[in-house]
C-alpha atoms as a PDB file:
ATOM      1  CA  MET A   1      -0.068  -0.010  -0.027  1.00  0.00           C
ATOM      2  CA  ALA A   2       2.826   2.321   0.851  1.00  0.00           C
ATOM      3  CA  GLU A   3       4.466   1.821  -2.574  1.00  0.00           C
ATOM      4  CA  LEU A   4       1.163   2.365  -4.469  1.00  0.00           C
ATOM      5  CA  ALA A   5       0.514   5.418  -2.505  1.00  0.00           C
ATOM      6  CA  ASP A   6       3.891   6.844  -3.281  1.00  0.00           C
ATOM      7  CA  CYS A   7       3.268   5.933  -7.090  1.00  0.00           C
ATOM      8  CA  ALA A   8      -0.097   7.748  -6.901  1.00  0.00           C
ATOM      9  CA  ARG A   9       1.597  10.732  -5.599  1.00  0.00           C
ATOM     10  CA  GLU A  10       4.479  10.664  -8.168  1.00  0.00           C
ATOM     11  CA  ALA A  11       1.871  10.374 -10.934  1.00  0.00           C
ATOM     12  CA  ILE A  12       0.030  13.503  -9.816  1.00  0.00           C
ATOM     13  CA  GLU A  13       3.203  15.525  -9.178  1.00  0.00           C
ATOM     14  CA  ASN A  14       4.733  14.395 -12.338  1.00  0.00           C
ATOM     15  CA  ASP A  15       1.868  14.561 -14.692  1.00  0.00           C
ATOM     16  CA  GLY A  16      -1.093  16.001 -12.784  1.00  0.00           C
ATOM     17  CA  THR A  17      -2.421  18.128 -15.401  1.00  0.00           C
ATOM     18  CA  THR A  18      -3.058  14.807 -17.548  1.00  0.00           C
ATOM     19  CA  VAL A  19      -4.229  12.324 -15.055  1.00  0.00           C
ATOM     20  CA  LEU A  20      -6.522  14.841 -13.353  1.00  0.00           C
ATOM     21  CA  SER A  21      -8.269  15.894 -16.427  1.00  0.00           C
ATOM     22  CA  TYR A  22     -10.207  14.364 -19.374  1.00  0.00           C
ATOM     23  CA  GLY A  23      -8.183  12.049 -21.514  1.00  0.00           C
ATOM     24  CA  PRO A  24      -8.254   9.762 -24.457  1.00  0.00           C
ATOM     25  CA  ALA A  25     -10.683   6.732 -24.171  1.00  0.00           C
ATOM     26  CA  GLY A  26      -7.942   4.448 -24.911  1.00  0.00           C
ATOM     27  CA  GLY A  27      -6.211   4.974 -21.666  1.00  0.00           C
ATOM     28  CA  TYR A  28      -3.228   6.855 -20.396  1.00  0.00           C
ATOM     29  CA  ALA A  29      -0.473   7.040 -23.119  1.00  0.00           C
ATOM     30  CA  PRO A  30       2.639   5.899 -21.313  1.00  0.00           C
ATOM     31  CA  LEU A  31       0.872   2.763 -19.941  1.00  0.00           C
ATOM     32  CA  ARG A  32      -0.396   1.966 -23.588  1.00  0.00           C
ATOM     33  CA  GLU A  33       3.050   2.307 -24.741  1.00  0.00           C
ATOM     34  CA  TRP A  34       4.469   0.041 -22.007  1.00  0.00           C
ATOM     35  CA  ILE A  35       1.750  -2.635 -22.886  1.00  0.00           C
ATOM     36  CA  ALA A  36       2.413  -2.299 -26.490  1.00  0.00           C
ATOM     37  CA  ASP A  37       6.277  -2.889 -26.000  1.00  0.00           C
ATOM     38  CA  ARG A  38       5.549  -5.743 -23.825  1.00  0.00           C
ATOM     39  CA  HIS A  39       3.397  -7.461 -26.616  1.00  0.00           C
ATOM     40  CA  GLY A  40       5.445  -6.184 -29.589  1.00  0.00           C
ATOM     41  CA  ILE A  41       2.500  -4.268 -31.063  1.00  0.00           C
ATOM     42  CA  GLU A  42       1.696  -0.561 -31.577  1.00  0.00           C
ATOM     43  CA  PRO A  43       0.089   1.539 -28.781  1.00  0.00           C
ATOM     44  CA  GLY A  44      -2.759   2.312 -30.967  1.00  0.00           C
ATOM     45  CA  GLN A  45      -3.809  -1.437 -30.685  1.00  0.00           C
ATOM     46  CA  VAL A  46      -4.138  -1.177 -26.893  1.00  0.00           C
ATOM     47  CA  VAL A  47      -7.140  -0.049 -25.034  1.00  0.00           C
ATOM     48  CA  VAL A  48      -7.013   0.136 -21.387  1.00  0.00           C
ATOM     49  CA  THR A  49     -10.370  -0.411 -19.543  1.00  0.00           C
ATOM     50  CA  ASN A  50     -11.707  -0.504 -16.132  1.00  0.00           C
ATOM     51  CA  GLY A  51     -10.777  -4.105 -15.316  1.00  0.00           C
ATOM     52  CA  SER A  52     -10.631  -6.601 -18.190  1.00  0.00           C
ATOM     53  CA  LEU A  53     -14.274  -7.632 -17.688  1.00  0.00           C
ATOM     54  CA  GLN A  54     -15.175  -4.231 -19.169  1.00  0.00           C
ATOM     55  CA  GLY A  55     -13.209  -4.988 -22.311  1.00  0.00           C
ATOM     56  CA  PHE A  56     -15.365  -8.106 -22.589  1.00  0.00           C
ATOM     57  CA  GLN A  57     -18.444  -6.023 -22.155  1.00  0.00           C
ATOM     58  CA  PHE A  58     -17.378  -3.723 -24.989  1.00  0.00           C
ATOM     59  CA  LEU A  59     -16.606  -6.708 -27.281  1.00  0.00           C
ATOM     60  CA  ALA A  60     -19.791  -8.449 -26.522  1.00  0.00           C
ATOM     61  CA  GLU A  61     -21.929  -5.379 -27.402  1.00  0.00           C
ATOM     62  CA  LEU A  62     -19.955  -4.750 -30.679  1.00  0.00           C
ATOM     63  CA  LEU A  63     -19.739  -8.451 -31.962  1.00  0.00           C
ATOM     64  CA  ALA A  64     -22.512 -10.624 -30.435  1.00  0.00           C
ATOM     65  CA  PRO A  65     -25.101  -9.239 -32.747  1.00  0.00           C
ATOM     66  CA  THR A  66     -22.968 -10.629 -35.773  1.00  0.00           C
ATOM     67  CA  GLY A  67     -23.174 -14.322 -34.809  1.00  0.00           C
ATOM     68  CA  PRO A  68     -23.002 -16.820 -32.208  1.00  0.00           C
ATOM     69  CA  VAL A  69     -20.266 -16.626 -29.266  1.00  0.00           C
ATOM     70  CA  LEU A  70     -18.501 -19.790 -28.583  1.00  0.00           C
ATOM     71  CA  VAL A  71     -17.428 -20.517 -24.913  1.00  0.00           C
ATOM     72  CA  GLU A  72     -15.534 -23.099 -23.115  1.00  0.00           C
ATOM     73  CA  ALA A  73     -17.878 -25.260 -20.759  1.00  0.00           C
ATOM     74  CA  PRO A  74     -17.305 -24.572 -18.080  1.00  0.00           C
ATOM     75  CA  THR A  75     -16.083 -21.013 -18.167  1.00  0.00           C
ATOM     76  CA  TYR A  76     -16.017 -17.756 -16.219  1.00  0.00           C
ATOM     77  CA  ASP A  77     -19.629 -17.102 -15.090  1.00  0.00           C
ATOM     78  CA  ARG A  78     -19.335 -13.286 -15.441  1.00  0.00           C
ATOM     79  CA  PRO A  79     -18.887 -13.145 -19.240  1.00  0.00           C
ATOM     80  CA  LEU A  80     -21.972 -15.616 -19.408  1.00  0.00           C
ATOM     81  CA  LYS A  81     -24.101 -13.009 -17.620  1.00  0.00           C
ATOM     82  CA  ILE A  82     -22.906 -10.122 -19.953  1.00  0.00           C
ATOM     83  CA  LEU A  83     -23.734 -12.505 -23.035  1.00  0.00           C
ATOM     84  CA  ALA A  84     -26.996 -12.994 -21.521  1.00  0.00           C
ATOM     85  CA  ALA A  85     -27.651  -9.514 -20.921  1.00  0.00           C
ATOM     86  CA  VAL A  86     -26.800  -8.797 -24.462  1.00  0.00           C
ATOM     87  CA  GLU A  87     -28.993 -11.508 -25.799  1.00  0.00           C
ATOM     88  CA  ALA A  88     -26.172 -13.317 -27.481  1.00  0.00           C
ATOM     89  CA  GLU A  89     -26.554 -16.880 -28.905  1.00  0.00           C
ATOM     90  CA  VAL A  90     -24.034 -18.774 -26.758  1.00  0.00           C
ATOM     91  CA  ILE A  91     -22.650 -22.195 -27.830  1.00  0.00           C
ATOM     92  CA  PRO A  92     -20.720 -24.025 -25.197  1.00  0.00           C
ATOM     93  CA  ILE A  93     -17.773 -26.123 -26.376  1.00  0.00           C
ATOM     94  CA  PRO A  94     -16.485 -28.713 -23.933  1.00  0.00           C
ATOM     95  CA  LEU A  95     -13.062 -28.183 -22.678  1.00  0.00           C
ATOM     96  CA  ASP A  96     -11.962 -31.534 -24.043  1.00  0.00           C
ATOM     97  CA  ASP A  97     -13.453 -30.958 -27.460  1.00  0.00           C
ATOM     98  CA  ASP A  98     -11.325 -29.954 -30.610  1.00  0.00           C
ATOM     99  CA  GLY A  99     -14.520 -28.898 -32.639  1.00  0.00           C
ATOM    100  CA  THR A 100     -16.031 -25.543 -33.470  1.00  0.00           C
ATOM    101  CA  VAL A 101     -19.600 -24.656 -34.713  1.00  0.00           C
ATOM    102  CA  GLY A 102     -20.921 -22.351 -37.408  1.00  0.00           C
ATOM    103  CA  SER A 103     -19.579 -18.893 -38.121  1.00  0.00           C
ATOM    104  CA  PRO A 104     -18.996 -17.429 -34.761  1.00  0.00           C
ATOM    105  CA  ALA A 105     -18.688 -13.792 -33.630  1.00  0.00           C
ATOM    106  CA  PHE A 106     -15.799 -14.889 -31.549  1.00  0.00           C
ATOM    107  CA  PHE A 107     -14.613 -17.613 -29.382  1.00  0.00           C
ATOM    108  CA  TYR A 108     -13.860 -16.806 -25.705  1.00  0.00           C
ATOM    109  CA  THR A 109     -11.179 -18.844 -24.100  1.00  0.00           C
ATOM    110  CA  ILE A 110      -9.128 -18.598 -20.886  1.00  0.00           C
ATOM    111  CA  PRO A 111      -6.090 -21.008 -21.790  1.00  0.00           C
ATOM    112  CA  THR A 112      -3.977 -20.491 -18.601  1.00  0.00           C
ATOM    113  CA  PHE A 113      -5.035 -21.248 -15.164  1.00  0.00           C
ATOM    114  CA  GLN A 114      -8.647 -21.276 -16.389  1.00  0.00           C
ATOM    115  CA  ASN A 115     -11.611 -19.826 -14.231  1.00  0.00           C
ATOM    116  CA  PRO A 116     -13.143 -22.004 -12.852  1.00  0.00           C
ATOM    117  CA  THR A 117     -11.266 -25.158 -13.516  1.00  0.00           C
ATOM    118  CA  GLY A 118      -7.783 -24.000 -12.835  1.00  0.00           C
ATOM    119  CA  ARG A 119      -6.717 -26.116 -15.866  1.00  0.00           C
ATOM    120  CA  THR A 120      -4.187 -25.035 -18.564  1.00  0.00           C
ATOM    121  CA  LEU A 121      -4.639 -25.650 -22.285  1.00  0.00           C
ATOM    122  CA  PRO A 122      -1.636 -27.737 -23.747  1.00  0.00           C
ATOM    123  CA  LEU A 123       0.410 -26.459 -26.607  1.00  0.00           C
ATOM    124  CA  SER A 124      -1.230 -28.583 -29.186  1.00  0.00           C
ATOM    125  CA  ARG A 125      -4.573 -27.120 -28.475  1.00  0.00           C
ATOM    126  CA  ARG A 126      -3.184 -23.485 -28.461  1.00  0.00           C
ATOM    127  CA  GLU A 127      -1.673 -24.196 -31.752  1.00  0.00           C
ATOM    128  CA  ALA A 128      -4.876 -25.468 -32.946  1.00  0.00           C
ATOM    129  CA  LEU A 129      -6.801 -22.311 -31.846  1.00  0.00           C
ATOM    130  CA  ALA A 130      -3.934 -20.100 -33.448  1.00  0.00           C
ATOM    131  CA  GLY A 131      -4.648 -22.022 -36.756  1.00  0.00           C
ATOM    132  CA  LEU A 132      -8.310 -21.272 -36.427  1.00  0.00           C
ATOM    133  CA  ALA A 133      -7.612 -17.567 -35.803  1.00  0.00           C
ATOM    134  CA  LYS A 134      -5.479 -17.383 -39.081  1.00  0.00           C
ATOM    135  CA  ALA A 135      -8.220 -19.303 -40.928  1.00  0.00           C
ATOM    136  CA  GLY A 136     -10.664 -16.409 -40.073  1.00  0.00           C
ATOM    137  CA  MET A 137     -12.268 -17.140 -36.547  1.00  0.00           C
ATOM    138  CA  LEU A 138     -11.803 -14.301 -34.066  1.00  0.00           C
ATOM    139  CA  VAL A 139     -10.472 -15.656 -30.809  1.00  0.00           C
ATOM    140  CA  LEU A 140     -10.644 -13.706 -27.670  1.00  0.00           C
ATOM    141  CA  GLU A 141      -7.890 -14.899 -25.288  1.00  0.00           C
ATOM    142  CA  ASP A 142      -8.551 -14.013 -21.622  1.00  0.00           C
ATOM    143  CA  ASP A 143      -5.154 -14.199 -19.740  1.00  0.00           C
ATOM    144  CA  PRO A 144      -5.435 -12.554 -16.300  1.00  0.00           C
ATOM    145  CA  TYR A 145      -3.718 -15.276 -14.176  1.00  0.00           C
ATOM    146  CA  GLY A 146      -0.891 -16.392 -16.668  1.00  0.00           C
ATOM    147  CA  LEU A 147       1.816 -14.559 -14.753  1.00  0.00           C
ATOM    148  CA  VAL A 148       0.624 -15.952 -11.439  1.00  0.00           C
ATOM    149  CA  ARG A 149       2.476 -19.215 -11.942  1.00  0.00           C
ATOM    150  CA  PHE A 150       3.791 -21.329  -9.002  1.00  0.00           C
ATOM    151  CA  GLU A 151       5.480 -24.340 -11.074  1.00  0.00           C
ATOM    152  CA  GLY A 152       5.955 -25.738 -14.435  1.00  0.00           C
ATOM    153  CA  GLU A 153       7.036 -24.048 -17.616  1.00  0.00           C
ATOM    154  CA  ALA A 154       5.032 -21.053 -19.105  1.00  0.00           C
ATOM    155  CA  LEU A 155       3.473 -21.842 -22.535  1.00  0.00           C
ATOM    156  CA  PRO A 156       3.249 -19.370 -25.451  1.00  0.00           C
ATOM    157  CA  THR A 157      -0.083 -17.555 -25.533  1.00  0.00           C
ATOM    158  CA  VAL A 158      -2.388 -18.038 -28.244  1.00  0.00           C
ATOM    159  CA  PHE A 159      -1.902 -14.448 -29.409  1.00  0.00           C
ATOM    160  CA  GLU A 160       1.882 -15.161 -29.754  1.00  0.00           C
ATOM    161  CA  LEU A 161       1.356 -18.411 -31.719  1.00  0.00           C
ATOM    162  CA  ALA A 162      -0.921 -16.664 -34.095  1.00  0.00           C
ATOM    163  CA  GLY A 163       1.435 -13.791 -34.547  1.00  0.00           C
ATOM    164  CA  GLY A 164      -1.466 -11.449 -33.229  1.00  0.00           C
ATOM    165  CA  GLU A 165      -3.684 -12.291 -36.333  1.00  0.00           C
ATOM    166  CA  ASN A 166      -7.402 -12.228 -35.585  1.00  0.00           C
ATOM    167  CA  VAL A 167      -6.666 -12.565 -31.880  1.00  0.00           C
ATOM    168  CA  VAL A 168      -7.780 -10.367 -29.184  1.00  0.00           C
ATOM    169  CA  TYR A 169      -5.764 -10.547 -25.926  1.00  0.00           C
ATOM    170  CA  SER A 170      -7.159  -9.516 -22.571  1.00  0.00           C
ATOM    171  CA  SER A 171      -5.418  -9.104 -19.444  1.00  0.00           C
ATOM    172  CA  SER A 172      -5.470  -7.291 -16.163  1.00  0.00           C
ATOM    173  CA  PHE A 173      -3.339  -5.963 -13.400  1.00  0.00           C
ATOM    174  CA  SER A 174      -5.897  -6.862 -10.885  1.00  0.00           C
ATOM    175  CA  LYS A 175      -4.084 -10.222 -10.217  1.00  0.00           C
ATOM    176  CA  THR A 176      -0.648  -8.967 -10.410  1.00  0.00           C
ATOM    177  CA  ILE A 177      -0.829  -5.396  -8.611  1.00  0.00           C
ATOM    178  CA  ALA A 178      -4.214  -4.830  -6.942  1.00  0.00           C
ATOM    179  CA  PRO A 179      -7.818  -5.452  -8.076  1.00  0.00           C
ATOM    180  CA  GLY A 180      -9.120  -2.021  -6.679  1.00  0.00           C
ATOM    181  CA  LEU A 181      -7.071  -0.082  -9.123  1.00  0.00           C
ATOM    182  CA  ARG A 182      -9.324  -1.692 -11.769  1.00  0.00           C
ATOM    183  CA  VAL A 183      -6.880  -1.619 -14.652  1.00  0.00           C
ATOM    184  CA  GLY A 184      -7.385  -4.128 -17.276  1.00  0.00           C
ATOM    185  CA  TYR A 185      -6.629  -4.006 -21.101  1.00  0.00           C
ATOM    186  CA  LEU A 186      -7.225  -5.429 -24.587  1.00  0.00           C
ATOM    187  CA  VAL A 187      -4.738  -5.829 -27.384  1.00  0.00           C
ATOM    188  CA  LEU A 188      -6.839  -5.648 -30.597  1.00  0.00           C
ATOM    189  CA  PRO A 189      -6.386  -5.788 -34.419  1.00  0.00           C
ATOM    190  CA  ASP A 190      -6.212  -2.020 -35.709  1.00  0.00           C
ATOM    191  CA  ALA A 191      -9.699  -1.663 -37.022  1.00  0.00           C
ATOM    192  CA  LEU A 192     -11.311  -3.277 -33.869  1.00  0.00           C
ATOM    193  CA  ALA A 193      -9.528  -1.275 -31.668  1.00  0.00           C
ATOM    194  CA  VAL A 194     -10.908   1.907 -33.125  1.00  0.00           C
ATOM    195  CA  GLU A 195     -14.256   0.516 -32.594  1.00  0.00           C
ATOM    196  CA  VAL A 196     -13.716  -0.494 -29.112  1.00  0.00           C
ATOM    197  CA  GLU A 197     -12.225   2.823 -28.264  1.00  0.00           C
ATOM    198  CA  ALA A 198     -15.294   4.633 -29.585  1.00  0.00           C
ATOM    199  CA  ILE A 199     -17.613   2.275 -27.460  1.00  0.00           C
ATOM    200  CA  ALA A 200     -15.451   3.294 -24.325  1.00  0.00           C
ATOM    201  CA  ALA A 201     -15.760   7.010 -25.132  1.00  0.00           C
ATOM    202  CA  ALA A 202     -19.435   6.680 -25.386  1.00  0.00           C
ATOM    203  CA  ALA A 203     -19.483   4.812 -22.182  1.00  0.00           C
ATOM    204  CA  TYR A 204     -17.546   6.912 -19.857  1.00  0.00           C
ATOM    205  CA  ILE A 205     -16.088  10.020 -21.864  1.00  0.00           C
ATOM    206  CA  THR A 206     -12.573   9.604 -20.372  1.00  0.00           C
ATOM    207  CA  PRO A 207     -10.909   6.669 -18.308  1.00  0.00           C
ATOM    208  CA  ALA A 208      -9.670   6.530 -14.719  1.00  0.00           C
ATOM    209  CA  LEU A 209      -6.303   7.866 -15.656  1.00  0.00           C
ATOM    210  CA  LEU A 210      -4.980   8.311 -12.136  1.00  0.00           C
ATOM    211  CA  SER A 211      -5.552   4.575 -11.447  1.00  0.00           C
ATOM    212  CA  GLN A 212      -3.529   3.955 -14.822  1.00  0.00           C
ATOM    213  CA  ALA A 213      -0.916   6.309 -14.139  1.00  0.00           C
ATOM    214  CA  THR A 214      -0.329   4.789 -10.676  1.00  0.00           C
ATOM    215  CA  VAL A 215      -0.050   1.429 -12.233  1.00  0.00           C
ATOM    216  CA  TYR A 216       2.330   2.803 -14.978  1.00  0.00           C
ATOM    217  CA  GLU A 217       4.524   4.415 -12.200  1.00  0.00           C
ATOM    218  CA  PHE A 218       4.491   0.920 -10.392  1.00  0.00           C
ATOM    219  CA  LEU A 219       5.651  -0.677 -13.559  1.00  0.00           C
ATOM    220  CA  ARG A 220       8.190   2.128 -14.463  1.00  0.00           C
ATOM    221  CA  ARG A 221      10.066   1.484 -11.231  1.00  0.00           C
ATOM    222  CA  GLY A 222      10.450  -2.262 -11.927  1.00  0.00           C
ATOM    223  CA  ASN A 223       8.198  -3.476  -9.208  1.00  0.00           C
ATOM    224  CA  LEU A 224       6.182  -6.001 -11.438  1.00  0.00           C
ATOM    225  CA  GLU A 225       8.636  -8.879 -11.283  1.00  0.00           C
ATOM    226  CA  PRO A 226       9.231  -8.678  -7.394  1.00  0.00           C
ATOM    227  CA  ASN A 227       5.629  -8.252  -6.765  1.00  0.00           C
ATOM    228  CA  LEU A 228       4.852 -11.478  -9.026  1.00  0.00           C
ATOM    229  CA  GLU A 229       7.309 -13.370  -6.954  1.00  0.00           C
ATOM    230  CA  ARG A 230       5.635 -12.320  -3.728  1.00  0.00           C
ATOM    231  CA  VAL A 231       1.987 -12.861  -5.005  1.00  0.00           C
ATOM    232  CA  SER A 232       2.857 -16.232  -6.431  1.00  0.00           C
ATOM    233  CA  GLY A 233       4.624 -17.353  -3.172  1.00  0.00           C
ATOM    234  CA  LEU A 234       1.631 -16.437  -1.028  1.00  0.00           C
ATOM    235  CA  LEU A 235      -0.911 -18.160  -3.522  1.00  0.00           C
ATOM    236  CA  GLN A 236       1.146 -21.085  -3.796  1.00  0.00           C
ATOM    237  CA  ALA A 237       1.115 -21.715   0.081  1.00  0.00           C
ATOM    238  CA  ARG A 238      -2.654 -21.274  -0.214  1.00  0.00           C
ATOM    239  CA  ARG A 239      -3.213 -23.641  -3.019  1.00  0.00           C
ATOM    240  CA  ASP A 240      -0.996 -26.353  -1.188  1.00  0.00           C
ATOM    241  CA  ALA A 241      -3.019 -25.796   2.124  1.00  0.00           C
ATOM    242  CA  MET A 242      -6.117 -26.475   0.099  1.00  0.00           C
ATOM    243  CA  VAL A 243      -4.968 -29.529  -1.541  1.00  0.00           C
ATOM    244  CA  ALA A 244      -3.550 -30.955   1.820  1.00  0.00           C
ATOM    245  CA  ALA A 245      -6.874 -30.102   3.454  1.00  0.00           C
ATOM    246  CA  LEU A 246      -8.800 -31.769   0.736  1.00  0.00           C
ATOM    247  CA  GLU A 247      -6.734 -34.885   0.970  1.00  0.00           C
ATOM    248  CA  ARG A 248      -7.399 -35.042   4.691  1.00  0.00           C
ATOM    249  CA  HIS A 249     -10.925 -34.155   4.768  1.00  0.00           C
ATOM    250  CA  LEU A 250     -12.530 -35.054   1.583  1.00  0.00           C
ATOM    251  CA  PRO A 251     -10.470 -37.756  -0.350  1.00  0.00           C
ATOM    252  CA  GLU A 252     -13.775 -39.297  -1.847  1.00  0.00           C
ATOM    253  CA  ALA A 253     -13.864 -36.105  -4.189  1.00  0.00           C
ATOM    254  CA  SER A 254     -11.767 -35.650  -7.143  1.00  0.00           C
ATOM    255  CA  TRP A 255      -9.732 -32.406  -8.249  1.00  0.00           C
ATOM    256  CA  ALA A 256      -6.768 -31.559 -10.358  1.00  0.00           C
ATOM    257  CA  VAL A 257      -3.994 -29.447  -8.930  1.00  0.00           C
ATOM    258  CA  PRO A 258      -3.428 -26.146 -10.883  1.00  0.00           C
ATOM    259  CA  GLU A 259       0.120 -24.789 -11.354  1.00  0.00           C
ATOM    260  CA  GLY A 260      -1.122 -21.398 -10.920  1.00  0.00           C
ATOM    261  CA  GLY A 261      -4.002 -19.114 -10.610  1.00  0.00           C
ATOM    262  CA  TYR A 262      -6.686 -18.653  -8.076  1.00  0.00           C
ATOM    263  CA  PHE A 263      -9.119 -21.490  -8.327  1.00  0.00           C
ATOM    264  CA  LEU A 264      -9.556 -25.373  -7.975  1.00  0.00           C
ATOM    265  CA  TRP A 265     -12.235 -27.276  -9.543  1.00  0.00           C
ATOM    266  CA  LEU A 266     -13.881 -29.890  -7.234  1.00  0.00           C
ATOM    267  CA  GLU A 267     -15.922 -32.627  -8.410  1.00  0.00           C
ATOM    268  CA  LEU A 268     -18.179 -34.299  -5.481  1.00  0.00           C
ATOM    269  CA  PRO A 269     -18.467 -37.851  -4.870  1.00  0.00           C
ATOM    270  CA  PRO A 270     -20.916 -39.790  -7.363  1.00  0.00           C
ATOM    271  CA  GLY A 271     -24.556 -39.167  -6.696  1.00  0.00           C
ATOM    272  CA  ILE A 272     -24.049 -36.041  -4.522  1.00  0.00           C
ATOM    273  CA  MET A 273     -25.174 -32.787  -6.124  1.00  0.00           C
ATOM    274  CA  THR A 274     -23.840 -29.284  -5.051  1.00  0.00           C
ATOM    275  CA  ALA A 275     -27.569 -28.154  -4.430  1.00  0.00           C
ATOM    276  CA  ASP A 276     -27.621 -30.811  -1.817  1.00  0.00           C
ATOM    277  CA  LEU A 277     -24.973 -29.179   0.286  1.00  0.00           C
ATOM    278  CA  LEU A 278     -25.675 -27.147   3.410  1.00  0.00           C
ATOM    279  CA  ALA A 279     -22.365 -25.866   4.213  1.00  0.00           C
ATOM    280  CA  GLU A 280     -22.693 -23.209   6.870  1.00  0.00           C
ATOM    281  CA  GLY A 281     -20.002 -20.589   6.977  1.00  0.00           C
ATOM    282  CA  VAL A 282     -18.345 -21.675   3.736  1.00  0.00           C
ATOM    283  CA  THR A 283     -18.322 -19.816   0.481  1.00  0.00           C
ATOM    284  CA  PHE A 284     -17.984 -21.264  -3.081  1.00  0.00           C
ATOM    285  CA  VAL A 285     -19.445 -20.993  -6.393  1.00  0.00           C
ATOM    286  CA  PRO A 286     -21.718 -23.782  -7.726  1.00  0.00           C
ATOM    287  CA  GLY A 287     -20.618 -25.381 -10.893  1.00  0.00           C
ATOM    288  CA  VAL A 288     -23.665 -24.960 -12.665  1.00  0.00           C
ATOM    289  CA  ASP A 289     -22.884 -21.071 -12.734  1.00  0.00           C
ATOM    290  CA  PHE A 290     -20.034 -21.740 -15.084  1.00  0.00           C
ATOM    291  CA  PHE A 291     -22.129 -23.490 -17.854  1.00  0.00           C
ATOM    292  CA  ALA A 292     -24.178 -21.833 -20.681  1.00  0.00           C
ATOM    293  CA  GLY A 293     -26.322 -25.003 -20.742  1.00  0.00           C
ATOM    294  CA  ALA A 294     -26.441 -28.123 -18.470  1.00  0.00           C
ATOM    295  CA  GLY A 295     -23.446 -29.171 -16.622  1.00  0.00           C
ATOM    296  CA  GLY A 296     -21.645 -28.842 -13.231  1.00  0.00           C
ATOM    297  CA  GLU A 297     -24.471 -30.141 -11.097  1.00  0.00           C
ATOM    298  CA  ASN A 298     -22.018 -32.020  -8.819  1.00  0.00           C
ATOM    299  CA  ALA A 299     -19.094 -29.720  -9.020  1.00  0.00           C
ATOM    300  CA  LEU A 300     -18.005 -26.361  -7.389  1.00  0.00           C
ATOM    301  CA  ARG A 301     -15.368 -23.777  -7.649  1.00  0.00           C
ATOM    302  CA  LEU A 302     -13.137 -23.299  -4.765  1.00  0.00           C
ATOM    303  CA  ALA A 303     -10.960 -20.108  -4.665  1.00  0.00           C
ATOM    304  CA  PHE A 304      -7.804 -20.286  -2.630  1.00  0.00           C
ATOM    305  CA  SER A 305      -6.802 -16.788  -3.254  1.00  0.00           C
ATOM    306  CA  TYR A 306      -8.494 -14.793  -0.607  1.00  0.00           C
ATOM    307  CA  VAL A 307      -8.138 -16.423   2.788  1.00  0.00           C
ATOM    308  CA  SER A 308      -5.605 -17.740   4.852  1.00  0.00           C
ATOM    309  CA  PRO A 309      -4.272 -21.278   4.871  1.00  0.00           C
ATOM    310  CA  ALA A 310      -5.800 -21.650   8.557  1.00  0.00           C
ATOM    311  CA  GLU A 311      -9.064 -20.328   7.283  1.00  0.00           C
ATOM    312  CA  ILE A 312      -8.894 -22.774   4.208  1.00  0.00           C
ATOM    313  CA  GLU A 313      -8.293 -25.731   6.583  1.00  0.00           C
ATOM    314  CA  GLU A 314     -11.448 -24.699   8.478  1.00  0.00           C
ATOM    315  CA  GLY A 315     -13.472 -24.053   5.278  1.00  0.00           C
ATOM    316  CA  THR A 316     -12.562 -27.499   3.902  1.00  0.00           C
ATOM    317  CA  ARG A 317     -13.413 -29.188   7.095  1.00  0.00           C
ATOM    318  CA  ARG A 318     -16.908 -27.582   7.051  1.00  0.00           C
ATOM    319  CA  LEU A 319     -17.416 -28.433   3.255  1.00  0.00           C
ATOM    320  CA  ALA A 320     -16.276 -31.957   3.900  1.00  0.00           C
ATOM    321  CA  SER A 321     -18.811 -32.292   6.865  1.00  0.00           C
ATOM    322  CA  ALA A 322     -21.697 -30.921   4.538  1.00  0.00           C
ATOM    323  CA  VAL A 323     -20.747 -33.553   1.887  1.00  0.00           C
ATOM    324  CA  ARG A 324     -20.757 -36.392   4.360  1.00  0.00           C
ATOM    325  CA  ALA A 325     -24.102 -35.370   5.579  1.00  0.00           C
ATOM    326  CA  ALA A 326     -25.537 -35.230   2.072  1.00  0.00           C
ATOM    327  CA  MET A 327     -23.975 -38.825   1.318  1.00  0.00           C
ATOM    328  CA  LEU A 328     -25.814 -39.991   4.678  1.00  0.00           C
ATOM    329  CA  LEU A 329     -29.184 -38.489   3.594  1.00  0.00           C
ATOM    330  CA  ARG A 330     -28.803 -40.118  -0.024  1.00  0.00           C
ATOM    331  CA  SER A 331     -27.893 -43.552   1.447  1.00  0.00           C
ATOM    332  CA  ALA A 332     -30.951 -43.245   4.026  1.00  0.00           C
ATOM    333  CA  ALA A 333     -33.299 -42.483   1.241  1.00  0.00           C
END
């Protein structure tokens, strides 16, 4: 907090006439240049948004009327809500399915440490998606978690594999610096960047330049890599605590251990539905929330990012107690 406070002070003292006034809808110019340099593209292809989800909102409004939207099944629940609000036709594609359908407006994918499953798309599947993009299908690659890796080797992004061709890359500083700053961004093909920036201007006239300038100052000082190391260490300890607690208290369930990110996808013992659980004092998201159609009835998403290892232990114990109560009721029925 002290470092970010100093970054905000520096941003105001050095460039206050810019960051405290109206500005371009595409975002704070030095931050756009930093992002562009990182991704090897031009600053005009970057639109900085109030969190990456707002970028998805803009794209949904712009593109959903042009055709169906393909999504992974399961996928992040908030984009599903946005797509429902704009009355988009949504086609879920199972995560283990290589196929695509029709002439979509775009395919929304979270290849690395996916929300909600925590899984990472292998290189062969990323190459296949890059091939589809080069063949004409617009791919929206949402990558807010990719830098939060605990172990294993990083894979190239779909954007990188496609050489940026027909791929929109979305990311955020929420997971790497602080979510309250609300600074996300899109990297877009030139023509689409112009359209999205126009939607942004219509939505809020000017972006939150002070937040964006604070992020830029944090990056300019070289704080990103040390902060990533700190964040990843804290999150790895919490992931390890969750896996250990599940092994102790709920071995009947099944899960995969994510190599990074925020989430673990838990599948309950056979015959137990998430709706059956009465888990007092435990917060999770039911699996059904992450499907555009049927699915996830016996699964749930656990976030290990927010609470301490001790709280994770207690929450897992309570969840296991609720699962066992549901199992007893089922056996007695």
